[in-house]
């Protein structure tokens, strides 16, 4: 594959990841505005049945990445 094809594939994967995590990001963002820590948000995501893209448990780093990806300046 050419560099352009690999870059296009990576961009497409990122776009789908952002799209798939929109409900998670909205809920996590609402919890953050209430003053919860990233770790506490991860616990709430687990408690309310939200799944990571790979089906594993949530952690603070994943929550931060989901929130960062949803920001309009990226």
C-alpha atoms as a PDB file:
ATOM      1  CA  UNK A   1       0.000   0.000   0.000  1.00  0.00           C
ATOM      2  CA  UNK A   2       1.079   3.544  -0.591  1.00  0.00           C
ATOM      3  CA  UNK A   3       1.604   6.085   2.149  1.00  0.00           C
ATOM      4  CA  UNK A   4      -1.539   7.915   1.027  1.00  0.00           C
ATOM      5  CA  UNK A   5      -3.642   4.758   1.386  1.00  0.00           C
ATOM      6  CA  UNK A   6      -2.298   4.082   4.878  1.00  0.00           C
ATOM      7  CA  UNK A   7      -2.958   7.675   5.923  1.00  0.00           C
ATOM      8  CA  UNK A   8      -6.486   7.540   4.512  1.00  0.00           C
ATOM      9  CA  UNK A   9      -7.140   4.298   6.386  1.00  0.00           C
ATOM     10  CA  UNK A  10      -5.848   5.773   9.637  1.00  0.00           C
ATOM     11  CA  UNK A  11      -8.000   8.877   9.179  1.00  0.00           C
ATOM     12  CA  UNK A  12     -11.051   6.716   8.509  1.00  0.00           C
ATOM     13  CA  UNK A  13     -10.425   4.600  11.609  1.00  0.00           C
ATOM     14  CA  UNK A  14     -10.056   7.719  13.751  1.00  0.00           C
ATOM     15  CA  UNK A  15     -13.280   9.181  12.344  1.00  0.00           C
ATOM     16  CA  UNK A  16     -15.212   5.991  13.164  1.00  0.00           C
ATOM     17  CA  UNK A  17     -13.721   5.891  16.672  1.00  0.00           C
ATOM     18  CA  UNK A  18     -14.837   9.463  17.297  1.00  0.00           C
ATOM     19  CA  UNK A  19     -18.306   8.713  15.903  1.00  0.00           C
ATOM     20  CA  UNK A  20     -18.706   5.532  17.960  1.00  0.00           C
ATOM     21  CA  UNK A  21     -17.720   7.269  21.185  1.00  0.00           C
ATOM     22  CA  UNK A  22     -20.031  10.309  20.845  1.00  0.00           C
ATOM     23  CA  UNK A  23     -22.553   9.050  23.450  1.00  0.00           C
ATOM     24  CA  UNK A  24     -19.724   8.126  25.829  1.00  0.00           C
ATOM     25  CA  UNK A  25     -18.065  11.509  25.371  1.00  0.00           C
ATOM     26  CA  UNK A  26     -21.320  13.356  25.990  1.00  0.00           C
ATOM     27  CA  UNK A  27     -21.984  11.433  29.206  1.00  0.00           C
ATOM     28  CA  UNK A  28     -18.376  11.692  30.366  1.00  0.00           C
ATOM     29  CA  UNK A  29     -18.323  15.410  29.594  1.00  0.00           C
ATOM     30  CA  UNK A  30     -21.471  15.934  31.636  1.00  0.00           C
ATOM     31  CA  UNK A  31     -19.919  14.069  34.560  1.00  0.00           C
ATOM     32  CA  UNK A  32     -16.739  16.135  34.292  1.00  0.00           C
ATOM     33  CA  UNK A  33     -18.744  19.377  34.412  1.00  0.00           C
ATOM     34  CA  UNK A  34     -20.218  18.094  37.673  1.00  0.00           C
ATOM     35  CA  UNK A  35     -16.685  17.946  39.064  1.00  0.00           C
ATOM     36  CA  UNK A  36     -15.970  14.218  38.860  1.00  0.00           C
ATOM     37  CA  UNK A  37     -12.382  13.110  38.339  1.00  0.00           C
ATOM     38  CA  UNK A  38     -11.397  11.110  35.282  1.00  0.00           C
ATOM     39  CA  UNK A  39     -11.173   8.002  37.457  1.00  0.00           C
ATOM     40  CA  UNK A  40     -14.653   8.615  38.883  1.00  0.00           C
ATOM     41  CA  UNK A  41     -16.011   9.104  35.358  1.00  0.00           C
ATOM     42  CA  UNK A  42     -14.470   5.756  34.361  1.00  0.00           C
ATOM     43  CA  UNK A  43     -16.233   4.099  37.288  1.00  0.00           C
ATOM     44  CA  UNK A  44     -19.550   5.656  36.263  1.00  0.00           C
ATOM     45  CA  UNK A  45     -19.110   4.539  32.642  1.00  0.00           C
ATOM     46  CA  UNK A  46     -18.554   0.984  33.869  1.00  0.00           C
ATOM     47  CA  UNK A  47     -21.528   1.185  36.235  1.00  0.00           C
ATOM     48  CA  UNK A  48     -23.853   2.380  33.479  1.00  0.00           C
ATOM     49  CA  UNK A  49     -22.841  -0.266  30.975  1.00  0.00           C
ATOM     50  CA  UNK A  50     -20.801   1.798  28.535  1.00  0.00           C
ATOM     51  CA  UNK A  51     -18.271  -0.329  26.673  1.00  0.00           C
ATOM     52  CA  UNK A  52     -14.826   0.562  25.388  1.00  0.00           C
ATOM     53  CA  UNK A  53     -14.224  -0.070  21.695  1.00  0.00           C
ATOM     54  CA  UNK A  54     -12.446  -3.305  22.582  1.00  0.00           C
ATOM     55  CA  UNK A  55     -14.871  -4.283  25.347  1.00  0.00           C
ATOM     56  CA  UNK A  56     -12.428  -3.833  28.217  1.00  0.00           C
ATOM     57  CA  UNK A  57     -12.793  -1.885  31.444  1.00  0.00           C
ATOM     58  CA  UNK A  58     -12.643   1.908  31.444  1.00  0.00           C
ATOM     59  CA  UNK A  59      -9.776   3.791  33.023  1.00  0.00           C
ATOM     60  CA  UNK A  60      -8.908   7.457  33.498  1.00  0.00           C
ATOM     61  CA  UNK A  61      -6.556   7.597  30.496  1.00  0.00           C
ATOM     62  CA  UNK A  62      -9.222   6.242  28.156  1.00  0.00           C
ATOM     63  CA  UNK A  63     -11.754   8.756  29.454  1.00  0.00           C
ATOM     64  CA  UNK A  64      -9.311  11.613  28.848  1.00  0.00           C
ATOM     65  CA  UNK A  65      -8.591  10.411  25.315  1.00  0.00           C
ATOM     66  CA  UNK A  66     -12.293  10.125  24.469  1.00  0.00           C
ATOM     67  CA  UNK A  67     -12.918  13.627  25.782  1.00  0.00           C
ATOM     68  CA  UNK A  68      -9.875  15.052  23.976  1.00  0.00           C
ATOM     69  CA  UNK A  69     -10.917  13.497  20.670  1.00  0.00           C
ATOM     70  CA  UNK A  70     -14.346  15.074  20.875  1.00  0.00           C
ATOM     71  CA  UNK A  71     -13.012  18.613  21.240  1.00  0.00           C
ATOM     72  CA  UNK A  72     -13.744  20.767  18.186  1.00  0.00           C
ATOM     73  CA  UNK A  73     -10.138  21.940  17.704  1.00  0.00           C
ATOM     74  CA  UNK A  74      -8.845  18.469  16.768  1.00  0.00           C
END
